[in-house]
Amino acid sequence: MDASANHLDTLTSRFSDPQQLVPELGDVSAALFKITGNATVPRSTVALVHLRAGQLVENTYLTVMHTDNARRAKVPQEKIAAVASWKDAPYFTGAERVALELVEAVLTPGERTERVPDSLYARAAQHYDAKALATLAMAIGQVSFFIPLALIGKPLPGVPMAQQWRTAPAH
């Protein structure tokens, strides 16, 4: 066993499984997955958007989880590796580029007067119809919904789902 695997065995999250603490979370989560799975935006694009969101908020749990999700969505490894530097990477389609630009615009405060200017929306509308744009917005909303749980609750990255929420034993 390597040292990193052993280290993961000793890590704990800040609180236990939020779905056990707040059972209503399951309904909200299922509804969000149903929306983003409506096939108007490719699952691979949703995975790239979610991965970029994890990187933008600098959260290892989200980045590791969405890297795994991207692999399951059959995103090629070079795209996964290049998500953080997508602007100069040759691997992305126009539709993927505008989706990545949208998630950055939504999650990154900046000097601009409007986070999603009309010009960005117009570029997105060249690649996505109205339903797909709404779905893409909800995909960004989906990952954004879970960001506070990841940042505050600190689930464990890179472990099976059943072990992500592991708190220290009470004394």
N, C-alpha and C. Protein backbone atom coordinates (compact mmCIF):
# COMPACT_ATOMS: atom_id res chain seq x y z
N MET A 1 0.84 -1.18 0.00
CA MET A 1 0.00 0.00 0.00
C MET A 1 0.88 1.24 0.00
N ASP A 2 0.57 2.20 -0.87
CA ASP A 2 1.39 3.41 -0.90
C ASP A 2 0.95 4.38 0.20
N ALA A 3 1.81 5.36 0.45
CA ALA A 3 1.57 6.30 1.55
C ALA A 3 0.30 7.12 1.32
N SER A 4 -0.01 7.49 0.07
CA SER A 4 -1.19 8.31 -0.16
C SER A 4 -2.46 7.55 0.14
N ALA A 5 -2.53 6.26 -0.19
CA ALA A 5 -3.71 5.46 0.12
C ALA A 5 -3.88 5.35 1.63
N ASN A 6 -2.79 5.17 2.35
CA ASN A 6 -2.83 5.08 3.79
C ASN A 6 -3.30 6.41 4.39
N HIS A 7 -2.85 7.52 3.83
CA HIS A 7 -3.26 8.84 4.30
C HIS A 7 -4.76 9.03 4.11
N LEU A 8 -5.32 8.57 2.99
CA LEU A 8 -6.76 8.69 2.75
C LEU A 8 -7.56 7.94 3.80
N ASP A 9 -7.02 6.85 4.31
CA ASP A 9 -7.71 6.07 5.33
C ASP A 9 -7.89 6.84 6.63
N THR A 10 -7.04 7.83 6.87
CA THR A 10 -7.11 8.57 8.13
C THR A 10 -7.85 9.90 8.00
N LEU A 11 -8.16 10.32 6.79
CA LEU A 11 -8.87 11.59 6.59
C LEU A 11 -10.32 11.48 7.01
N THR A 12 -10.87 12.60 7.44
CA THR A 12 -12.29 12.65 7.78
C THR A 12 -12.91 13.88 7.13
N SER A 13 -14.22 13.81 6.91
CA SER A 13 -14.95 14.96 6.42
C SER A 13 -15.41 15.78 7.63
N ARG A 14 -15.92 16.96 7.36
CA ARG A 14 -16.35 17.81 8.47
C ARG A 14 -17.70 17.38 9.03
N PHE A 15 -18.58 16.91 8.15
CA PHE A 15 -19.83 16.36 8.66
C PHE A 15 -20.17 15.09 7.91
N SER A 16 -21.14 14.37 8.45
CA SER A 16 -21.51 13.10 7.85
C SER A 16 -22.34 13.33 6.58
N ASP A 17 -22.74 12.27 5.95
CA ASP A 17 -23.45 12.30 4.67
C ASP A 17 -24.62 13.28 4.72
N PRO A 18 -24.56 14.35 3.91
CA PRO A 18 -25.64 15.34 3.95
C PRO A 18 -27.00 14.78 3.54
N GLN A 19 -27.01 13.73 2.74
CA GLN A 19 -28.30 13.14 2.36
C GLN A 19 -28.94 12.42 3.54
N GLN A 20 -28.12 11.93 4.46
CA GLN A 20 -28.66 11.35 5.69
C GLN A 20 -29.12 12.45 6.64
N LEU A 21 -28.38 13.56 6.66
CA LEU A 21 -28.74 14.67 7.54
C LEU A 21 -29.98 15.41 7.03
N VAL A 22 -30.07 15.58 5.69
CA VAL A 22 -31.17 16.31 5.06
C VAL A 22 -31.71 15.43 3.92
N PRO A 23 -32.60 14.51 4.23
CA PRO A 23 -33.06 13.54 3.23
C PRO A 23 -33.66 14.16 1.96
N GLU A 24 -34.19 15.37 2.05
CA GLU A 24 -34.75 16.04 0.89
C GLU A 24 -33.72 16.28 -0.21
N LEU A 25 -32.46 16.26 0.16
CA LEU A 25 -31.38 16.44 -0.80
C LEU A 25 -31.46 15.42 -1.93
N GLY A 26 -31.89 14.21 -1.63
CA GLY A 26 -31.99 13.17 -2.64
C GLY A 26 -32.95 13.54 -3.76
N ASP A 27 -34.08 14.15 -3.41
CA ASP A 27 -35.05 14.56 -4.42
C ASP A 27 -34.50 15.67 -5.31
N VAL A 28 -33.85 16.64 -4.69
CA VAL A 28 -33.27 17.75 -5.45
C VAL A 28 -32.17 17.23 -6.37
N SER A 29 -31.32 16.40 -5.84
CA SER A 29 -30.22 15.83 -6.61
C SER A 29 -30.75 15.04 -7.80
N ALA A 30 -31.74 14.20 -7.57
CA ALA A 30 -32.32 13.39 -8.66
C ALA A 30 -32.92 14.28 -9.73
N ALA A 31 -33.60 15.35 -9.33
CA ALA A 31 -34.20 16.26 -10.31
C ALA A 31 -33.12 16.95 -11.14
N LEU A 32 -32.04 17.38 -10.51
CA LEU A 32 -30.95 18.03 -11.25
C LEU A 32 -30.31 17.06 -12.24
N PHE A 33 -30.09 15.82 -11.83
CA PHE A 33 -29.51 14.83 -12.74
C PHE A 33 -30.45 14.52 -13.89
N LYS A 34 -31.75 14.53 -13.63
CA LYS A 34 -32.72 14.30 -14.70
C LYS A 34 -32.67 15.44 -15.72
N ILE A 35 -32.58 16.66 -15.23
CA ILE A 35 -32.51 17.82 -16.12
C ILE A 35 -31.27 17.75 -17.00
N THR A 36 -30.12 17.56 -16.40
CA THR A 36 -28.88 17.58 -17.18
C THR A 36 -28.72 16.34 -18.04
N GLY A 37 -29.51 15.33 -17.78
CA GLY A 37 -29.47 14.12 -18.58
C GLY A 37 -30.52 14.08 -19.67
N ASN A 38 -31.10 15.23 -20.03
CA ASN A 38 -32.17 15.26 -21.02
C ASN A 38 -31.68 15.14 -22.46
N ALA A 39 -30.39 14.94 -22.66
CA ALA A 39 -29.77 14.67 -23.97
C ALA A 39 -29.71 15.87 -24.91
N THR A 40 -30.01 17.08 -24.42
CA THR A 40 -29.85 18.24 -25.29
C THR A 40 -28.42 18.74 -25.29
N VAL A 41 -27.68 18.46 -24.23
CA VAL A 41 -26.26 18.78 -24.14
C VAL A 41 -25.55 17.45 -23.92
N PRO A 42 -24.53 17.15 -24.71
CA PRO A 42 -23.84 15.86 -24.53
C PRO A 42 -23.33 15.67 -23.11
N ARG A 43 -23.45 14.46 -22.60
CA ARG A 43 -22.98 14.13 -21.26
C ARG A 43 -21.50 14.51 -21.11
N SER A 44 -20.73 14.33 -22.19
CA SER A 44 -19.31 14.68 -22.14
C SER A 44 -19.11 16.18 -21.90
N THR A 45 -19.95 17.01 -22.50
CA THR A 45 -19.84 18.46 -22.30
C THR A 45 -20.22 18.82 -20.88
N VAL A 46 -21.28 18.22 -20.36
CA VAL A 46 -21.67 18.46 -18.97
C VAL A 46 -20.51 18.07 -18.04
N ALA A 47 -19.87 16.95 -18.32
CA ALA A 47 -18.75 16.50 -17.49
C ALA A 47 -17.59 17.50 -17.54
N LEU A 48 -17.30 18.04 -18.71
CA LEU A 48 -16.23 19.04 -18.83
C LEU A 48 -16.57 20.31 -18.06
N VAL A 49 -17.81 20.75 -18.14
CA VAL A 49 -18.26 21.94 -17.42
C VAL A 49 -18.15 21.72 -15.91
N HIS A 50 -18.57 20.55 -15.45
CA HIS A 50 -18.49 20.26 -14.02
C HIS A 50 -17.04 20.16 -13.56
N LEU A 51 -16.18 19.56 -14.37
CA LEU A 51 -14.76 19.49 -14.03
C LEU A 51 -14.16 20.88 -13.92
N ARG A 52 -14.47 21.74 -14.89
CA ARG A 52 -13.93 23.11 -14.85
C ARG A 52 -14.43 23.85 -13.61
N ALA A 53 -15.67 23.63 -13.23
CA ALA A 53 -16.20 24.27 -12.02
C ALA A 53 -15.42 23.83 -10.79
N GLY A 54 -15.12 22.56 -10.68
CA GLY A 54 -14.33 22.07 -9.55
C GLY A 54 -12.96 22.71 -9.50
N GLN A 55 -12.36 22.89 -10.68
CA GLN A 55 -11.05 23.56 -10.74
C GLN A 55 -11.17 25.02 -10.34
N LEU A 56 -12.22 25.69 -10.83
CA LEU A 56 -12.38 27.11 -10.54
C LEU A 56 -12.55 27.40 -9.06
N VAL A 57 -13.25 26.51 -8.35
CA VAL A 57 -13.43 26.74 -6.92
C VAL A 57 -12.31 26.09 -6.11
N GLU A 58 -11.32 25.54 -6.82
CA GLU A 58 -10.12 24.97 -6.21
C GLU A 58 -10.47 23.90 -5.17
N ASN A 59 -11.31 22.95 -5.58
CA ASN A 59 -11.75 21.90 -4.67
C ASN A 59 -11.34 20.55 -5.23
N THR A 60 -10.47 19.87 -4.51
CA THR A 60 -9.95 18.58 -4.94
C THR A 60 -11.05 17.53 -5.06
N TYR A 61 -11.96 17.49 -4.10
CA TYR A 61 -13.05 16.52 -4.15
C TYR A 61 -13.81 16.64 -5.47
N LEU A 62 -14.26 17.86 -5.80
CA LEU A 62 -15.03 18.06 -7.03
C LEU A 62 -14.19 17.77 -8.27
N THR A 63 -12.93 18.17 -8.25
CA THR A 63 -12.06 17.95 -9.40
C THR A 63 -11.83 16.46 -9.63
N VAL A 64 -11.56 15.71 -8.59
CA VAL A 64 -11.35 14.27 -8.73
C VAL A 64 -12.64 13.59 -9.17
N MET A 65 -13.76 13.92 -8.52
CA MET A 65 -15.03 13.29 -8.86
C MET A 65 -15.41 13.57 -10.31
N HIS A 66 -15.27 14.81 -10.75
CA HIS A 66 -15.69 15.15 -12.11
C HIS A 66 -14.68 14.68 -13.15
N THR A 67 -13.44 14.47 -12.76
CA THR A 67 -12.49 13.81 -13.67
C THR A 67 -12.96 12.38 -13.91
N ASP A 68 -13.34 11.69 -12.86
CA ASP A 68 -13.86 10.32 -13.00
C ASP A 68 -15.14 10.31 -13.83
N ASN A 69 -16.03 11.29 -13.58
CA ASN A 69 -17.26 11.37 -14.37
C ASN A 69 -16.97 11.62 -15.85
N ALA A 70 -15.97 12.44 -16.13
CA ALA A 70 -15.59 12.71 -17.52
C ALA A 70 -15.09 11.43 -18.20
N ARG A 71 -14.31 10.65 -17.47
CA ARG A 71 -13.84 9.37 -18.02
C ARG A 71 -15.02 8.45 -18.33
N ARG A 72 -15.98 8.39 -17.40
CA ARG A 72 -17.16 7.55 -17.63
C ARG A 72 -17.99 8.06 -18.82
N ALA A 73 -17.94 9.36 -19.07
CA ALA A 73 -18.66 9.95 -20.20
C ALA A 73 -17.86 9.82 -21.50
N LYS A 74 -16.75 9.08 -21.44
CA LYS A 74 -15.91 8.80 -22.62
C LYS A 74 -15.21 10.05 -23.16
N VAL A 75 -14.93 11.01 -22.27
CA VAL A 75 -14.13 12.17 -22.66
C VAL A 75 -12.69 11.71 -22.82
N PRO A 76 -12.06 11.99 -23.96
CA PRO A 76 -10.66 11.58 -24.15
C PRO A 76 -9.73 12.19 -23.08
N GLN A 77 -8.72 11.43 -22.71
CA GLN A 77 -7.80 11.84 -21.65
C GLN A 77 -7.15 13.20 -21.92
N GLU A 78 -6.80 13.47 -23.19
CA GLU A 78 -6.15 14.76 -23.46
C GLU A 78 -7.10 15.93 -23.20
N LYS A 79 -8.39 15.75 -23.40
CA LYS A 79 -9.35 16.82 -23.07
C LYS A 79 -9.43 17.00 -21.56
N ILE A 80 -9.51 15.88 -20.84
CA ILE A 80 -9.58 15.97 -19.38
C ILE A 80 -8.36 16.70 -18.83
N ALA A 81 -7.19 16.33 -19.33
CA ALA A 81 -5.94 16.94 -18.86
C ALA A 81 -5.86 18.42 -19.21
N ALA A 82 -6.51 18.83 -20.30
CA ALA A 82 -6.39 20.20 -20.80
C ALA A 82 -7.53 21.12 -20.36
N VAL A 83 -8.46 20.65 -19.56
CA VAL A 83 -9.60 21.49 -19.18
C VAL A 83 -9.14 22.79 -18.53
N ALA A 84 -8.15 22.73 -17.66
CA ALA A 84 -7.69 23.95 -16.97
C ALA A 84 -7.07 24.96 -17.93
N SER A 85 -6.57 24.47 -19.06
CA SER A 85 -5.93 25.37 -20.04
C SER A 85 -6.67 25.30 -21.38
N TRP A 86 -7.97 25.15 -21.34
CA TRP A 86 -8.78 24.92 -22.53
C TRP A 86 -8.65 26.03 -23.57
N LYS A 87 -8.38 27.25 -23.15
CA LYS A 87 -8.36 28.37 -24.11
C LYS A 87 -7.32 28.21 -25.21
N ASP A 88 -6.20 27.57 -24.89
CA ASP A 88 -5.19 27.38 -25.94
C ASP A 88 -5.00 25.92 -26.33
N ALA A 89 -5.88 25.05 -25.83
CA ALA A 89 -5.78 23.62 -26.15
C ALA A 89 -6.52 23.33 -27.46
N PRO A 90 -5.95 22.51 -28.32
CA PRO A 90 -6.57 22.24 -29.63
C PRO A 90 -7.66 21.16 -29.61
N TYR A 91 -7.99 20.63 -28.45
CA TYR A 91 -8.82 19.44 -28.36
C TYR A 91 -10.33 19.69 -28.33
N PHE A 92 -10.76 20.90 -28.07
CA PHE A 92 -12.15 21.17 -27.79
C PHE A 92 -12.91 21.68 -29.01
N THR A 93 -14.16 21.26 -29.12
CA THR A 93 -15.04 21.75 -30.18
C THR A 93 -15.49 23.17 -29.83
N GLY A 94 -16.07 23.85 -30.78
CA GLY A 94 -16.61 25.18 -30.52
C GLY A 94 -17.68 25.15 -29.44
N ALA A 95 -18.54 24.14 -29.48
CA ALA A 95 -19.61 24.02 -28.48
C ALA A 95 -19.02 23.78 -27.08
N GLU A 96 -17.99 22.95 -26.99
CA GLU A 96 -17.35 22.71 -25.70
C GLU A 96 -16.67 23.97 -25.20
N ARG A 97 -16.02 24.70 -26.10
CA ARG A 97 -15.33 25.94 -25.71
C ARG A 97 -16.30 26.96 -25.13
N VAL A 98 -17.43 27.15 -25.79
CA VAL A 98 -18.38 28.14 -25.29
C VAL A 98 -19.00 27.67 -23.97
N ALA A 99 -19.18 26.36 -23.79
CA ALA A 99 -19.68 25.85 -22.51
C ALA A 99 -18.68 26.12 -21.39
N LEU A 100 -17.40 25.90 -21.68
CA LEU A 100 -16.36 26.18 -20.68
C LEU A 100 -16.27 27.68 -20.40
N GLU A 101 -16.43 28.48 -21.43
CA GLU A 101 -16.41 29.93 -21.24
C GLU A 101 -17.60 30.37 -20.37
N LEU A 102 -18.75 29.75 -20.58
CA LEU A 102 -19.93 30.09 -19.78
C LEU A 102 -19.72 29.75 -18.31
N VAL A 103 -19.21 28.56 -18.01
CA VAL A 103 -19.02 28.20 -16.60
C VAL A 103 -17.99 29.13 -15.95
N GLU A 104 -16.98 29.51 -16.68
CA GLU A 104 -16.01 30.46 -16.13
C GLU A 104 -16.66 31.82 -15.89
N ALA A 105 -17.49 32.28 -16.83
CA ALA A 105 -18.15 33.58 -16.68
C ALA A 105 -19.07 33.58 -15.46
N VAL A 106 -19.79 32.49 -15.26
CA VAL A 106 -20.74 32.40 -14.14
C VAL A 106 -20.01 32.31 -12.80
N LEU A 107 -18.93 31.54 -12.74
CA LEU A 107 -18.29 31.27 -11.44
C LEU A 107 -17.10 32.17 -11.10
N THR A 108 -16.69 33.01 -12.04
CA THR A 108 -15.50 33.82 -11.80
C THR A 108 -15.86 35.30 -11.80
N PRO A 109 -15.75 35.96 -10.66
CA PRO A 109 -15.98 37.41 -10.67
C PRO A 109 -14.87 38.08 -11.48
N GLY A 110 -15.19 39.17 -12.08
CA GLY A 110 -14.18 39.83 -12.89
C GLY A 110 -14.41 41.31 -13.01
N GLU A 111 -13.61 41.89 -13.85
CA GLU A 111 -13.65 43.34 -14.07
C GLU A 111 -14.78 43.76 -15.00
N ARG A 112 -15.34 42.79 -15.72
CA ARG A 112 -16.36 43.12 -16.71
C ARG A 112 -17.64 43.62 -16.03
N THR A 113 -18.43 44.35 -16.79
CA THR A 113 -19.66 44.89 -16.22
C THR A 113 -20.75 43.83 -16.09
N GLU A 114 -20.67 42.81 -16.91
CA GLU A 114 -21.68 41.76 -16.88
C GLU A 114 -20.97 40.42 -16.99
N ARG A 115 -21.29 39.48 -16.13
CA ARG A 115 -20.60 38.19 -16.16
C ARG A 115 -20.84 37.44 -17.46
N VAL A 116 -22.08 37.42 -17.94
CA VAL A 116 -22.39 36.76 -19.20
C VAL A 116 -22.90 37.84 -20.16
N PRO A 117 -21.98 38.45 -20.89
CA PRO A 117 -22.38 39.51 -21.82
C PRO A 117 -23.15 38.94 -23.01
N ASP A 118 -23.85 39.83 -23.70
CA ASP A 118 -24.63 39.43 -24.87
C ASP A 118 -23.77 38.71 -25.91
N SER A 119 -22.52 39.14 -26.06
CA SER A 119 -21.65 38.52 -27.07
C SER A 119 -21.38 37.05 -26.74
N LEU A 120 -21.20 36.72 -25.46
CA LEU A 120 -20.99 35.34 -25.06
C LEU A 120 -22.27 34.54 -25.27
N TYR A 121 -23.39 35.11 -24.89
CA TYR A 121 -24.66 34.42 -25.11
C TYR A 121 -24.89 34.16 -26.60
N ALA A 122 -24.58 35.13 -27.42
CA ALA A 122 -24.76 34.97 -28.88
C ALA A 122 -23.87 33.84 -29.41
N ARG A 123 -22.64 33.75 -28.93
CA ARG A 123 -21.76 32.64 -29.35
C ARG A 123 -22.32 31.30 -28.88
N ALA A 124 -22.84 31.27 -27.67
CA ALA A 124 -23.43 30.03 -27.16
C ALA A 124 -24.65 29.63 -27.99
N ALA A 125 -25.46 30.61 -28.35
CA ALA A 125 -26.67 30.34 -29.14
C ALA A 125 -26.34 29.83 -30.55
N GLN A 126 -25.12 30.03 -31.01
CA GLN A 126 -24.71 29.47 -32.30
C GLN A 126 -24.51 27.96 -32.20
N HIS A 127 -24.27 27.46 -31.00
CA HIS A 127 -23.99 26.04 -30.80
C HIS A 127 -25.14 25.28 -30.13
N TYR A 128 -25.99 25.99 -29.42
CA TYR A 128 -27.04 25.35 -28.64
C TYR A 128 -28.38 26.02 -28.90
N ASP A 129 -29.45 25.22 -29.04
CA ASP A 129 -30.78 25.80 -29.16
C ASP A 129 -31.25 26.24 -27.77
N ALA A 130 -32.46 26.80 -27.70
CA ALA A 130 -32.95 27.37 -26.44
C ALA A 130 -33.01 26.33 -25.32
N LYS A 131 -33.51 25.12 -25.62
CA LYS A 131 -33.60 24.09 -24.58
C LYS A 131 -32.21 23.65 -24.13
N ALA A 132 -31.29 23.52 -25.06
CA ALA A 132 -29.93 23.13 -24.71
C ALA A 132 -29.24 24.22 -23.89
N LEU A 133 -29.47 25.48 -24.23
CA LEU A 133 -28.88 26.57 -23.43
C LEU A 133 -29.44 26.57 -22.01
N ALA A 134 -30.73 26.35 -21.87
CA ALA A 134 -31.32 26.28 -20.54
C ALA A 134 -30.75 25.07 -19.78
N THR A 135 -30.56 23.96 -20.49
CA THR A 135 -29.97 22.77 -19.87
C THR A 135 -28.54 23.03 -19.44
N LEU A 136 -27.78 23.70 -20.30
CA LEU A 136 -26.40 24.04 -19.96
C LEU A 136 -26.36 24.96 -18.74
N ALA A 137 -27.26 25.92 -18.68
CA ALA A 137 -27.35 26.80 -17.50
C ALA A 137 -27.66 25.97 -16.25
N MET A 138 -28.55 24.99 -16.39
CA MET A 138 -28.88 24.13 -15.25
C MET A 138 -27.72 23.20 -14.89
N ALA A 139 -26.91 22.80 -15.87
CA ALA A 139 -25.72 21.99 -15.57
C ALA A 139 -24.73 22.79 -14.73
N ILE A 140 -24.60 24.07 -15.05
CA ILE A 140 -23.76 24.95 -14.23
C ILE A 140 -24.40 25.12 -12.85
N GLY A 141 -25.72 25.26 -12.83
CA GLY A 141 -26.43 25.35 -11.56
C GLY A 141 -26.31 24.09 -10.73
N GLN A 142 -26.32 22.94 -11.41
CA GLN A 142 -26.21 21.66 -10.71
C GLN A 142 -24.89 21.58 -9.94
N VAL A 143 -23.79 21.84 -10.62
CA VAL A 143 -22.51 21.78 -9.93
C VAL A 143 -22.42 22.88 -8.88
N SER A 144 -22.98 24.05 -9.18
CA SER A 144 -22.96 25.15 -8.22
C SER A 144 -23.74 24.82 -6.95
N PHE A 145 -24.81 24.04 -7.10
CA PHE A 145 -25.61 23.62 -5.95
C PHE A 145 -24.76 22.81 -4.96
N PHE A 146 -23.85 21.99 -5.49
CA PHE A 146 -23.06 21.11 -4.64
C PHE A 146 -21.74 21.72 -4.15
N ILE A 147 -21.35 22.86 -4.70
CA ILE A 147 -20.09 23.50 -4.29
C ILE A 147 -20.06 23.79 -2.79
N PRO A 148 -21.11 24.38 -2.19
CA PRO A 148 -21.03 24.62 -0.74
C PRO A 148 -20.86 23.34 0.08
N LEU A 149 -21.51 22.26 -0.33
CA LEU A 149 -21.32 21.00 0.39
C LEU A 149 -19.87 20.55 0.32
N ALA A 150 -19.26 20.70 -0.86
CA ALA A 150 -17.87 20.29 -1.02
C ALA A 150 -16.92 21.18 -0.24
N LEU A 151 -17.15 22.49 -0.27
CA LEU A 151 -16.24 23.42 0.40
C LEU A 151 -16.42 23.41 1.92
N ILE A 152 -17.65 23.32 2.37
CA ILE A 152 -17.91 23.38 3.81
C ILE A 152 -17.80 22.00 4.46
N GLY A 153 -18.40 20.99 3.83
CA GLY A 153 -18.44 19.66 4.42
C GLY A 153 -17.19 18.85 4.22
N LYS A 154 -16.40 19.20 3.20
CA LYS A 154 -15.14 18.52 2.89
C LYS A 154 -15.26 17.00 2.75
N PRO A 155 -16.10 16.53 1.79
CA PRO A 155 -16.12 15.09 1.55
C PRO A 155 -14.75 14.63 1.06
N LEU A 156 -14.47 13.36 1.23
CA LEU A 156 -13.15 12.85 0.91
C LEU A 156 -13.01 12.56 -0.58
N PRO A 157 -11.96 13.06 -1.20
CA PRO A 157 -11.75 12.82 -2.63
C PRO A 157 -11.17 11.43 -2.89
N GLY A 158 -11.55 10.88 -4.03
CA GLY A 158 -10.91 9.66 -4.50
C GLY A 158 -11.22 8.39 -3.72
N VAL A 159 -12.29 8.40 -2.95
CA VAL A 159 -12.69 7.18 -2.23
C VAL A 159 -14.08 6.79 -2.72
N PRO A 160 -14.48 5.54 -2.49
CA PRO A 160 -15.83 5.14 -2.91
C PRO A 160 -16.91 6.03 -2.30
N MET A 161 -18.02 6.18 -3.04
CA MET A 161 -19.11 7.06 -2.63
C MET A 161 -19.54 6.84 -1.17
N ALA A 162 -19.61 5.61 -0.74
CA ALA A 162 -20.05 5.29 0.62
C ALA A 162 -19.07 5.77 1.69
N GLN A 163 -17.85 6.11 1.30
CA GLN A 163 -16.84 6.53 2.28
C GLN A 163 -16.50 8.03 2.20
N GLN A 164 -17.17 8.77 1.32
CA GLN A 164 -16.83 10.18 1.14
C GLN A 164 -17.15 11.04 2.35
N TRP A 165 -18.15 10.63 3.09
CA TRP A 165 -18.56 11.39 4.26
C TRP A 165 -18.23 10.57 5.49
N ARG A 166 -17.02 10.75 6.00
CA ARG A 166 -16.53 9.95 7.11
C ARG A 166 -16.03 10.91 8.19
N THR A 167 -16.77 11.01 9.26
CA THR A 167 -16.40 11.94 10.32
C THR A 167 -15.57 11.21 11.38
N ALA A 168 -14.87 12.00 12.16
CA ALA A 168 -14.06 11.45 13.24
C ALA A 168 -14.99 10.90 14.32
N PRO A 169 -14.60 9.81 14.94
CA PRO A 169 -15.43 9.25 16.03
C PRO A 169 -15.54 10.26 17.18
N ALA A 170 -16.72 10.29 17.78
CA ALA A 170 -16.93 11.17 18.94
C ALA A 170 -16.18 10.62 20.15
N HIS A 171 -15.66 11.52 20.95
CA HIS A 171 -14.92 11.08 22.15
C HIS A 171 -15.76 11.17 23.37
